[in-house]
Amino acid sequence: MSCVTTIQKGALTAKVSSLGAELQSLTLDGREYLWQADPAFWGKHAPVLFPIVGSIRNDYAESAEGPCHMGRHGVARINEHELVSVSEDGSSVTYELVSNDETRAQYPYDFKLNMTYAITGPATLTQTFRVENTGSVVLPFSVGGHPAFNVPVEGTGEAYEDYEFRFVEPWTADCPKLVEGGLATYQDTFRTVDGSDTLPLTRDIFRFDTMILDHVPGDTLSLVGTKSGHGIRIDFAGFDFVGVWAAPGAPFVALEPWTGHTTLDTEDDVLEHKENITMLEPGAVDERSFDITLL
């Protein structure tokens, strides 16, 4: 049975479920920032993405260890994770998923995934992915976060269109389009940011489903209400991509740091051949984190 652990420090509180090691709530001064999984739009809060981000073609790929049969975003989000520790001061929690017969039927590798959520500042939650290769062969994988945030932020009185994305400097971004089967193509891109350090939030920017931004200046992205100043900043050094997504008509936006992305329509169906795949040697550990700061 799933359990939910609450961590708190000062005015910041987070709740994390053992199912998927998924963040369920993130409040500051009692104001809820995290999307509350209304199934009318999208019944998730912030899934953990491992060992793939996005989709593989027809949910299938070959690998050095045999066939992989995985739905979108892999196996971590659909499995129970064991609660392994809560810090003495109650400001951090760690969950663990160890490969088993069920995961190996979908992804034929041995691994240990630890997810730690820690309050590291007055308004900052740090989410850490620690992947250990417990097998005897090289482990191919990607990781990513998928937190979705209320837009507008609770209690601000703002509208969806009052929000904008902010970057640390002007830049230009051309994003791949998502095509049939959830695959991506760089053969036909669309421009999102054009020589600017801001991008207004509109429904139109999601006309191709997800903005896949790569090498964002300073590895930081903010989504802020222009009237209230409330919003979210994510800092994601170590993650080359950030996905920005919203369901049609939904009052949320997901800001998703990724190490890889959905299969390209130009790629074959071998997991090790995927662009930006991490290849982890036996016994080695890969650890990386991103920060969510509430504004």
C-alpha atoms as a PDB file:
ATOM      1  CA  MET A   1       0.000   0.000   0.000  1.00  0.00           C
ATOM      2  CA  SER A   2       1.275   3.459  -0.890  1.00  0.00           C
ATOM      3  CA  CYS A   3       2.312   5.886   1.816  1.00  0.00           C
ATOM      4  CA  VAL A   4       2.874   9.640   1.743  1.00  0.00           C
ATOM      5  CA  THR A   5       5.716  11.272   3.667  1.00  0.00           C
ATOM      6  CA  THR A   6       5.629  14.955   4.605  1.00  0.00           C
ATOM      7  CA  ILE A   7       8.812  16.996   4.937  1.00  0.00           C
ATOM      8  CA  GLN A   8       8.903  20.547   6.239  1.00  0.00           C
ATOM      9  CA  LYS A   9      11.285  23.334   7.089  1.00  0.00           C
ATOM     10  CA  GLY A  10      10.149  26.830   7.945  1.00  0.00           C
ATOM     11  CA  ALA A  11       7.233  27.829   5.737  1.00  0.00           C
ATOM     12  CA  LEU A  12       7.955  25.247   3.013  1.00  0.00           C
ATOM     13  CA  THR A  13       6.219  21.863   3.055  1.00  0.00           C
ATOM     14  CA  ALA A  14       6.409  18.983   0.577  1.00  0.00           C
ATOM     15  CA  LYS A  15       4.610  15.642   0.392  1.00  0.00           C
ATOM     16  CA  VAL A  16       5.993  12.630  -1.489  1.00  0.00           C
ATOM     17  CA  SER A  17       4.238   9.343  -2.264  1.00  0.00           C
ATOM     18  CA  SER A  18       5.870   5.928  -2.280  1.00  0.00           C
ATOM     19  CA  LEU A  19       4.001   5.205  -5.547  1.00  0.00           C
ATOM     20  CA  GLY A  20       6.453   6.376  -8.143  1.00  0.00           C
ATOM     21  CA  ALA A  21       8.354   8.415  -5.508  1.00  0.00           C
ATOM     22  CA  GLU A  22       6.166  11.216  -6.810  1.00  0.00           C
ATOM     23  CA  LEU A  23       5.954  14.701  -5.332  1.00  0.00           C
ATOM     24  CA  GLN A  24       2.306  15.275  -4.368  1.00  0.00           C
ATOM     25  CA  SER A  25       2.264  18.749  -2.825  1.00  0.00           C
ATOM     26  CA  LEU A  26       4.555  21.751  -2.509  1.00  0.00           C
ATOM     27  CA  THR A  27       3.330  24.647  -0.396  1.00  0.00           C
ATOM     28  CA  LEU A  28       4.867  27.872   0.813  1.00  0.00           C
ATOM     29  CA  ASP A  29       3.098  29.793   3.570  1.00  0.00           C
ATOM     30  CA  GLY A  30       0.119  27.479   2.980  1.00  0.00           C
ATOM     31  CA  ARG A  31      -0.128  28.397  -0.724  1.00  0.00           C
ATOM     32  CA  GLU A  32      -0.192  25.305  -2.972  1.00  0.00           C
ATOM     33  CA  TYR A  33       2.089  25.593  -6.002  1.00  0.00           C
ATOM     34  CA  LEU A  34       1.972  22.019  -7.313  1.00  0.00           C
ATOM     35  CA  TRP A  35      -0.774  20.824  -9.658  1.00  0.00           C
ATOM     36  CA  GLN A  36      -3.240  18.669  -7.728  1.00  0.00           C
ATOM     37  CA  ALA A  37      -3.845  15.985 -10.365  1.00  0.00           C
ATOM     38  CA  ASP A  38      -7.366  16.834 -11.481  1.00  0.00           C
ATOM     39  CA  PRO A  39      -8.139  13.881 -13.795  1.00  0.00           C
ATOM     40  CA  ALA A  40     -10.302  16.115 -15.964  1.00  0.00           C
ATOM     41  CA  PHE A  41      -7.012  17.433 -17.357  1.00  0.00           C
ATOM     42  CA  TRP A  42      -4.146  15.222 -16.121  1.00  0.00           C
ATOM     43  CA  GLY A  43      -4.229  12.918 -13.120  1.00  0.00           C
ATOM     44  CA  LYS A  44      -0.575  13.230 -12.123  1.00  0.00           C
ATOM     45  CA  HIS A  45       1.483  15.696 -10.090  1.00  0.00           C
ATOM     46  CA  ALA A  46       5.172  15.180 -10.858  1.00  0.00           C
ATOM     47  CA  PRO A  47       6.151  11.729 -12.167  1.00  0.00           C
ATOM     48  CA  VAL A  48       9.732  10.449 -11.970  1.00  0.00           C
ATOM     49  CA  LEU A  49      11.013   9.546 -15.453  1.00  0.00           C
ATOM     50  CA  PHE A  50      13.380   6.547 -15.625  1.00  0.00           C
ATOM     51  CA  PRO A  51      14.924   4.784 -17.544  1.00  0.00           C
ATOM     52  CA  ILE A  52      13.510   6.663 -20.521  1.00  0.00           C
ATOM     53  CA  VAL A  53      12.136  10.136 -21.044  1.00  0.00           C
ATOM     54  CA  GLY A  54       9.161  10.341 -23.386  1.00  0.00           C
ATOM     55  CA  SER A  55       8.417   7.463 -25.724  1.00  0.00           C
ATOM     56  CA  ILE A  56      10.238   4.750 -27.589  1.00  0.00           C
ATOM     57  CA  ARG A  57       8.746   3.747 -30.935  1.00  0.00           C
ATOM     58  CA  ASN A  58       5.651   1.595 -30.357  1.00  0.00           C
ATOM     59  CA  ASP A  59       6.752   1.208 -26.705  1.00  0.00           C
ATOM     60  CA  TYR A  60       9.502  -1.136 -27.878  1.00  0.00           C
ATOM     61  CA  ALA A  61      13.279  -1.062 -28.219  1.00  0.00           C
ATOM     62  CA  GLU A  62      16.101  -3.543 -28.589  1.00  0.00           C
ATOM     63  CA  SER A  63      19.024  -3.450 -26.195  1.00  0.00           C
ATOM     64  CA  ALA A  64      22.247  -5.292 -25.494  1.00  0.00           C
ATOM     65  CA  GLU A  65      20.368  -7.313 -22.858  1.00  0.00           C
ATOM     66  CA  GLY A  66      17.258  -8.046 -24.912  1.00  0.00           C
ATOM     67  CA  PRO A  67      13.919  -6.448 -25.755  1.00  0.00           C
ATOM     68  CA  CYS A  68      12.513  -3.499 -23.795  1.00  0.00           C
ATOM     69  CA  HIS A  69       8.747  -3.050 -23.520  1.00  0.00           C
ATOM     70  CA  MET A  70       8.062   0.284 -21.812  1.00  0.00           C
ATOM     71  CA  GLY A  71       5.291   2.820 -21.949  1.00  0.00           C
ATOM     72  CA  ARG A  72       5.891   6.546 -21.911  1.00  0.00           C
ATOM     73  CA  HIS A  73       8.503   7.669 -19.356  1.00  0.00           C
ATOM     74  CA  GLY A  74       9.521   4.169 -18.256  1.00  0.00           C
ATOM     75  CA  VAL A  75       9.074   2.078 -15.122  1.00  0.00           C
ATOM     76  CA  ALA A  76       9.841   4.266 -12.099  1.00  0.00           C
ATOM     77  CA  ARG A  77       6.577   6.189 -12.129  1.00  0.00           C
ATOM     78  CA  ILE A  78       4.376   3.065 -12.029  1.00  0.00           C
ATOM     79  CA  ASN A  79       6.143   1.127  -9.250  1.00  0.00           C
ATOM     80  CA  GLU A  80       6.143   1.331  -5.479  1.00  0.00           C
ATOM     81  CA  HIS A  81       9.363   2.745  -4.023  1.00  0.00           C
ATOM     82  CA  GLU A  82      10.583   1.808  -0.561  1.00  0.00           C
ATOM     83  CA  LEU A  83      10.884   4.554   2.030  1.00  0.00           C
ATOM     84  CA  VAL A  84      14.508   4.265   3.200  1.00  0.00           C
ATOM     85  CA  SER A  85      15.143   7.402   5.248  1.00  0.00           C
ATOM     86  CA  VAL A  86      13.788  10.660   6.615  1.00  0.00           C
ATOM     87  CA  SER A  87      16.281  13.180   7.996  1.00  0.00           C
ATOM     88  CA  GLU A  88      16.285  13.849  11.732  1.00  0.00           C
ATOM     89  CA  ASP A  89      14.988  17.361  11.233  1.00  0.00           C
ATOM     90  CA  GLY A  90      12.248  16.170   8.891  1.00  0.00           C
ATOM     91  CA  SER A  91      13.448  18.262   5.946  1.00  0.00           C
ATOM     92  CA  SER A  92      14.373  15.462   3.519  1.00  0.00           C
ATOM     93  CA  VAL A  93      13.161  12.025   2.457  1.00  0.00           C
ATOM     94  CA  THR A  94      14.696   9.270   0.323  1.00  0.00           C
ATOM     95  CA  TYR A  95      12.879   6.505  -1.544  1.00  0.00           C
ATOM     96  CA  GLU A  96      14.396   3.521  -3.347  1.00  0.00           C
ATOM     97  CA  LEU A  97      13.450   1.337  -6.301  1.00  0.00           C
ATOM     98  CA  VAL A  98      15.524  -1.810  -6.922  1.00  0.00           C
ATOM     99  CA  SER A  99      15.211  -3.805 -10.128  1.00  0.00           C
ATOM    100  CA  ASN A 100      13.058  -6.905  -9.818  1.00  0.00           C
ATOM    101  CA  ASP A 101      11.354  -9.463 -12.027  1.00  0.00           C
ATOM    102  CA  GLU A 102       8.618  -6.996 -12.947  1.00  0.00           C
ATOM    103  CA  THR A 103      10.969  -4.192 -13.963  1.00  0.00           C
ATOM    104  CA  ARG A 104      13.319  -6.581 -15.788  1.00  0.00           C
ATOM    105  CA  ALA A 105      10.399  -7.826 -17.914  1.00  0.00           C
ATOM    106  CA  GLN A 106      10.133  -4.287 -19.270  1.00  0.00           C
ATOM    107  CA  TYR A 107      13.732  -3.113 -18.958  1.00  0.00           C
ATOM    108  CA  PRO A 108      16.177  -6.063 -18.714  1.00  0.00           C
ATOM    109  CA  TYR A 109      18.813  -4.400 -16.523  1.00  0.00           C
ATOM    110  CA  ASP A 110      19.764  -4.370 -12.856  1.00  0.00           C
ATOM    111  CA  PHE A 111      19.755  -1.006 -11.101  1.00  0.00           C
ATOM    112  CA  LYS A 112      19.048   0.845  -7.895  1.00  0.00           C
ATOM    113  CA  LEU A 113      17.280   4.206  -8.111  1.00  0.00           C
ATOM    114  CA  ASN A 114      17.187   6.490  -5.092  1.00  0.00           C
ATOM    115  CA  MET A 115      15.008   9.593  -5.156  1.00  0.00           C
ATOM    116  CA  THR A 116      15.714  12.225  -2.515  1.00  0.00           C
ATOM    117  CA  TYR A 117      13.632  15.318  -1.883  1.00  0.00           C
ATOM    118  CA  ALA A 118      15.267  17.877   0.399  1.00  0.00           C
ATOM    119  CA  ILE A 119      14.317  21.369   1.495  1.00  0.00           C
ATOM    120  CA  THR A 120      17.540  23.265   0.851  1.00  0.00           C
ATOM    121  CA  GLY A 121      16.420  26.880   1.210  1.00  0.00           C
ATOM    122  CA  PRO A 122      13.549  28.978   2.579  1.00  0.00           C
ATOM    123  CA  ALA A 123      11.605  28.421  -0.643  1.00  0.00           C
ATOM    124  CA  THR A 124      13.653  25.716  -2.422  1.00  0.00           C
ATOM    125  CA  LEU A 125      13.115  21.975  -2.834  1.00  0.00           C
ATOM    126  CA  THR A 126      15.951  19.921  -4.338  1.00  0.00           C
ATOM    127  CA  GLN A 127      15.062  16.712  -6.185  1.00  0.00           C
ATOM    128  CA  THR A 128      17.979  14.272  -6.569  1.00  0.00           C
ATOM    129  CA  PHE A 129      18.222  11.212  -8.816  1.00  0.00           C
ATOM    130  CA  ARG A 130      20.851   8.644  -7.810  1.00  0.00           C
ATOM    131  CA  VAL A 131      21.193   5.751 -10.248  1.00  0.00           C
ATOM    132  CA  GLU A 132      23.495   2.849  -9.403  1.00  0.00           C
ATOM    133  CA  ASN A 133      24.357   0.133 -11.890  1.00  0.00           C
ATOM    134  CA  THR A 134      24.064  -3.051  -9.821  1.00  0.00           C
ATOM    135  CA  GLY A 135      24.500  -5.318 -12.835  1.00  0.00           C
ATOM    136  CA  SER A 136      27.474  -6.665 -14.783  1.00  0.00           C
ATOM    137  CA  VAL A 137      26.830  -4.827 -18.069  1.00  0.00           C
ATOM    138  CA  VAL A 138      26.697  -1.160 -19.062  1.00  0.00           C
ATOM    139  CA  LEU A 139      23.384   0.465 -18.065  1.00  0.00           C
ATOM    140  CA  PRO A 140      21.715   2.708 -20.708  1.00  0.00           C
ATOM    141  CA  PHE A 141      19.212   5.192 -19.272  1.00  0.00           C
ATOM    142  CA  SER A 142      17.824   8.691 -19.057  1.00  0.00           C
ATOM    143  CA  VAL A 143      16.225  10.452 -16.097  1.00  0.00           C
ATOM    144  CA  GLY A 144      13.894  13.388 -15.799  1.00  0.00           C
ATOM    145  CA  GLY A 145      11.467  15.267 -13.631  1.00  0.00           C
ATOM    146  CA  HIS A 146       7.892  16.173 -14.582  1.00  0.00           C
ATOM    147  CA  PRO A 147       6.565  18.602 -11.940  1.00  0.00           C
ATOM    148  CA  ALA A 148       3.465  20.525 -12.966  1.00  0.00           C
ATOM    149  CA  PHE A 149       2.569  23.832 -11.317  1.00  0.00           C
ATOM    150  CA  ASN A 150      -0.660  25.716 -10.810  1.00  0.00           C
ATOM    151  CA  VAL A 151      -1.085  28.584 -13.253  1.00  0.00           C
ATOM    152  CA  PRO A 152      -2.197  30.960 -11.981  1.00  0.00           C
ATOM    153  CA  VAL A 153      -0.638  30.469  -8.545  1.00  0.00           C
ATOM    154  CA  GLU A 154      -3.284  30.097  -5.825  1.00  0.00           C
ATOM    155  CA  GLY A 155      -4.654  33.329  -4.413  1.00  0.00           C
ATOM    156  CA  THR A 156      -2.982  35.744  -6.837  1.00  0.00           C
ATOM    157  CA  GLY A 157      -6.108  36.721  -8.731  1.00  0.00           C
ATOM    158  CA  GLU A 158      -4.153  36.513 -11.973  1.00  0.00           C
ATOM    159  CA  ALA A 159      -5.108  34.901 -15.266  1.00  0.00           C
ATOM    160  CA  TYR A 160      -3.176  32.269 -17.207  1.00  0.00           C
ATOM    161  CA  GLU A 161      -2.165  34.880 -19.764  1.00  0.00           C
ATOM    162  CA  ASP A 162      -0.593  37.072 -17.048  1.00  0.00           C
ATOM    163  CA  TYR A 163       2.374  34.683 -16.866  1.00  0.00           C
ATOM    164  CA  GLU A 164       5.626  34.662 -18.788  1.00  0.00           C
ATOM    165  CA  PHE A 165       8.775  32.561 -19.010  1.00  0.00           C
ATOM    166  CA  ARG A 166      11.970  34.350 -18.063  1.00  0.00           C
ATOM    167  CA  PHE A 167      15.530  33.486 -19.083  1.00  0.00           C
ATOM    168  CA  VAL A 168      18.799  34.866 -17.733  1.00  0.00           C
ATOM    169  CA  GLU A 169      19.728  36.368 -21.111  1.00  0.00           C
ATOM    170  CA  PRO A 170      18.256  36.821 -24.602  1.00  0.00           C
ATOM    171  CA  TRP A 171      18.457  33.737 -26.800  1.00  0.00           C
ATOM    172  CA  THR A 172      16.729  31.939 -29.668  1.00  0.00           C
ATOM    173  CA  ALA A 173      15.208  28.463 -29.443  1.00  0.00           C
ATOM    174  CA  ASP A 174      13.941  26.195 -32.207  1.00  0.00           C
ATOM    175  CA  CYS A 175      12.085  23.169 -30.848  1.00  0.00           C
ATOM    176  CA  PRO A 176      11.467  19.803 -32.481  1.00  0.00           C
ATOM    177  CA  LYS A 177       7.863  18.903 -33.171  1.00  0.00           C
ATOM    178  CA  LEU A 178       6.260  15.802 -31.705  1.00  0.00           C
ATOM    179  CA  VAL A 179       4.921  13.540 -34.437  1.00  0.00           C
ATOM    180  CA  GLU A 180       3.000  10.283 -34.653  1.00  0.00           C
ATOM    181  CA  GLY A 181       3.729   7.843 -31.858  1.00  0.00           C
ATOM    182  CA  GLY A 182       5.109  10.498 -29.539  1.00  0.00           C
ATOM    183  CA  LEU A 183       8.388  10.673 -31.464  1.00  0.00           C
ATOM    184  CA  ALA A 184      10.210  13.947 -32.100  1.00  0.00           C
ATOM    185  CA  THR A 185      11.575  15.422 -35.304  1.00  0.00           C
ATOM    186  CA  TYR A 186      14.269  18.044 -35.807  1.00  0.00           C
ATOM    187  CA  GLN A 187      13.531  17.918 -39.529  1.00  0.00           C
ATOM    188  CA  ASP A 188      10.599  20.255 -38.898  1.00  0.00           C
ATOM    189  CA  THR A 189      11.111  22.654 -35.982  1.00  0.00           C
ATOM    190  CA  PHE A 190       9.146  25.594 -34.620  1.00  0.00           C
ATOM    191  CA  ARG A 191      10.586  28.751 -33.093  1.00  0.00           C
ATOM    192  CA  THR A 192       9.583  29.541 -29.547  1.00  0.00           C
ATOM    193  CA  VAL A 193      12.045  32.131 -28.231  1.00  0.00           C
ATOM    194  CA  ASP A 194      13.345  34.663 -30.753  1.00  0.00           C
ATOM    195  CA  GLY A 195      16.224  36.772 -29.467  1.00  0.00           C
ATOM    196  CA  SER A 196      14.510  37.527 -26.164  1.00  0.00           C
ATOM    197  CA  ASP A 197      14.871  36.851 -22.444  1.00  0.00           C
ATOM    198  CA  THR A 198      11.104  36.439 -22.030  1.00  0.00           C
ATOM    199  CA  LEU A 199       8.339  34.370 -23.621  1.00  0.00           C
ATOM    200  CA  PRO A 200       4.672  35.132 -22.881  1.00  0.00           C
ATOM    201  CA  LEU A 201       2.642  32.122 -21.747  1.00  0.00           C
ATOM    202  CA  THR A 202      -0.080  31.399 -24.294  1.00  0.00           C
ATOM    203  CA  ARG A 203      -2.023  28.274 -25.253  1.00  0.00           C
ATOM    204  CA  ASP A 204      -0.516  28.510 -28.725  1.00  0.00           C
ATOM    205  CA  ILE A 205       2.992  27.581 -27.581  1.00  0.00           C
ATOM    206  CA  PHE A 206       1.647  24.063 -26.897  1.00  0.00           C
ATOM    207  CA  ARG A 207       0.253  23.612 -30.407  1.00  0.00           C
ATOM    208  CA  PHE A 208       2.885  20.908 -31.004  1.00  0.00           C
ATOM    209  CA  ASP A 209       2.326  19.410 -27.535  1.00  0.00           C
ATOM    210  CA  THR A 210       5.657  20.021 -25.776  1.00  0.00           C
ATOM    211  CA  MET A 211       8.380  22.619 -26.087  1.00  0.00           C
ATOM    212  CA  ILE A 212      11.692  20.743 -25.871  1.00  0.00           C
ATOM    213  CA  LEU A 213      14.299  23.360 -25.003  1.00  0.00           C
ATOM    214  CA  ASP A 214      17.971  22.395 -25.030  1.00  0.00           C
ATOM    215  CA  HIS A 215      20.960  24.106 -23.425  1.00  0.00           C
ATOM    216  CA  VAL A 216      18.876  26.860 -21.834  1.00  0.00           C
ATOM    217  CA  PRO A 217      21.085  29.811 -20.819  1.00  0.00           C
ATOM    218  CA  GLY A 218      22.366  29.406 -17.272  1.00  0.00           C
ATOM    219  CA  ASP A 219      20.439  26.115 -16.887  1.00  0.00           C
ATOM    220  CA  THR A 220      17.601  28.062 -15.306  1.00  0.00           C
ATOM    221  CA  LEU A 221      14.017  28.867 -16.255  1.00  0.00           C
ATOM    222  CA  SER A 222      11.345  30.895 -14.450  1.00  0.00           C
ATOM    223  CA  LEU A 223       7.589  31.086 -14.926  1.00  0.00           C
ATOM    224  CA  VAL A 224       6.309  34.212 -13.221  1.00  0.00           C
ATOM    225  CA  GLY A 225       3.075  36.168 -12.918  1.00  0.00           C
ATOM    226  CA  THR A 226       3.717  39.657 -14.275  1.00  0.00           C
ATOM    227  CA  LYS A 227       1.292  41.241 -11.806  1.00  0.00           C
ATOM    228  CA  SER A 228       1.969  39.314  -8.596  1.00  0.00           C
ATOM    229  CA  GLY A 229       5.598  38.287  -9.064  1.00  0.00           C
ATOM    230  CA  HIS A 230       4.655  34.820  -7.820  1.00  0.00           C
ATOM    231  CA  GLY A 231       5.746  31.759  -9.741  1.00  0.00           C
ATOM    232  CA  ILE A 232       8.430  29.099 -10.022  1.00  0.00           C
ATOM    233  CA  ARG A 233      12.108  28.970 -10.911  1.00  0.00           C
ATOM    234  CA  ILE A 234      13.872  25.742 -11.757  1.00  0.00           C
ATOM    235  CA  ASP A 235      17.665  25.376 -11.810  1.00  0.00           C
ATOM    236  CA  PHE A 236      18.831  22.262 -13.600  1.00  0.00           C
ATOM    237  CA  ALA A 237      22.592  22.082 -14.205  1.00  0.00           C
ATOM    238  CA  GLY A 238      23.361  18.555 -15.410  1.00  0.00           C
ATOM    239  CA  PHE A 239      20.136  18.271 -17.410  1.00  0.00           C
ATOM    240  CA  ASP A 240      20.628  19.271 -21.059  1.00  0.00           C
ATOM    241  CA  PHE A 241      16.917  19.569 -21.811  1.00  0.00           C
ATOM    242  CA  VAL A 242      13.817  21.010 -20.242  1.00  0.00           C
ATOM    243  CA  GLY A 243      10.368  20.077 -21.472  1.00  0.00           C
ATOM    244  CA  VAL A 244       7.544  22.595 -21.100  1.00  0.00           C
ATOM    245  CA  TRP A 245       4.068  21.104 -21.399  1.00  0.00           C
ATOM    246  CA  ALA A 246       0.419  21.692 -20.545  1.00  0.00           C
ATOM    247  CA  ALA A 247      -2.701  19.670 -21.307  1.00  0.00           C
ATOM    248  CA  PRO A 248      -5.223  21.446 -23.539  1.00  0.00           C
ATOM    249  CA  GLY A 249      -7.093  24.091 -21.547  1.00  0.00           C
ATOM    250  CA  ALA A 250      -5.507  23.022 -18.247  1.00  0.00           C
ATOM    251  CA  PRO A 251      -4.612  25.521 -15.479  1.00  0.00           C
ATOM    252  CA  PHE A 252      -1.071  24.207 -15.058  1.00  0.00           C
ATOM    253  CA  VAL A 253       2.318  24.150 -16.755  1.00  0.00           C
ATOM    254  CA  ALA A 254       4.875  21.366 -16.337  1.00  0.00           C
ATOM    255  CA  LEU A 255       8.565  22.313 -16.222  1.00  0.00           C
ATOM    256  CA  GLU A 256      10.569  19.141 -16.807  1.00  0.00           C
ATOM    257  CA  PRO A 257      14.377  18.846 -16.565  1.00  0.00           C
ATOM    258  CA  TRP A 258      15.568  15.888 -18.653  1.00  0.00           C
ATOM    259  CA  THR A 259      18.904  14.224 -19.448  1.00  0.00           C
ATOM    260  CA  GLY A 260      17.444  12.823 -22.680  1.00  0.00           C
ATOM    261  CA  HIS A 261      14.241  12.997 -24.647  1.00  0.00           C
ATOM    262  CA  THR A 262      11.711  10.999 -26.628  1.00  0.00           C
ATOM    263  CA  THR A 263      13.015   8.929 -29.545  1.00  0.00           C
ATOM    264  CA  LEU A 264      13.677  10.911 -32.714  1.00  0.00           C
ATOM    265  CA  ASP A 265      11.959   9.835 -35.915  1.00  0.00           C
ATOM    266  CA  THR A 266      15.462   9.532 -37.441  1.00  0.00           C
ATOM    267  CA  GLU A 267      16.713   7.102 -34.773  1.00  0.00           C
ATOM    268  CA  ASP A 268      16.621   3.336 -34.886  1.00  0.00           C
ATOM    269  CA  ASP A 269      15.051   1.185 -32.164  1.00  0.00           C
ATOM    270  CA  VAL A 270      18.189   0.291 -30.192  1.00  0.00           C
ATOM    271  CA  LEU A 271      18.176   1.810 -26.710  1.00  0.00           C
ATOM    272  CA  GLU A 272      21.961   2.279 -26.628  1.00  0.00           C
ATOM    273  CA  HIS A 273      21.774   4.282 -29.865  1.00  0.00           C
ATOM    274  CA  LYS A 274      19.420   6.936 -28.506  1.00  0.00           C
ATOM    275  CA  GLU A 275      20.746  10.464 -28.605  1.00  0.00           C
ATOM    276  CA  ASN A 276      21.893  11.709 -25.176  1.00  0.00           C
ATOM    277  CA  ILE A 277      21.511   8.308 -23.514  1.00  0.00           C
ATOM    278  CA  THR A 278      23.669   7.902 -20.380  1.00  0.00           C
ATOM    279  CA  MET A 279      25.877   4.793 -20.382  1.00  0.00           C
ATOM    280  CA  LEU A 280      26.758   3.789 -16.822  1.00  0.00           C
ATOM    281  CA  GLU A 281      29.495   1.232 -16.156  1.00  0.00           C
ATOM    282  CA  PRO A 282      28.883  -1.709 -13.767  1.00  0.00           C
ATOM    283  CA  GLY A 283      29.201  -0.614 -10.142  1.00  0.00           C
ATOM    284  CA  ALA A 284      29.166   3.080 -11.062  1.00  0.00           C
ATOM    285  CA  VAL A 285      26.775   5.744  -9.771  1.00  0.00           C
ATOM    286  CA  ASP A 286      25.210   8.686 -11.594  1.00  0.00           C
ATOM    287  CA  GLU A 287      23.778  11.434  -9.397  1.00  0.00           C
ATOM    288  CA  ARG A 288      22.216  14.730 -10.419  1.00  0.00           C
ATOM    289  CA  SER A 289      19.731  17.204  -8.972  1.00  0.00           C
ATOM    290  CA  PHE A 290      17.500  20.097  -9.872  1.00  0.00           C
ATOM    291  CA  ASP A 291      16.047  22.820  -7.661  1.00  0.00           C
ATOM    292  CA  ILE A 292      12.482  24.121  -7.531  1.00  0.00           C
ATOM    293  CA  THR A 293      12.263  27.568  -5.982  1.00  0.00           C
ATOM    294  CA  LEU A 294       8.864  29.082  -5.230  1.00  0.00           C
ATOM    295  CA  LEU A 295       8.583  32.803  -5.854  1.00  0.00           C
END
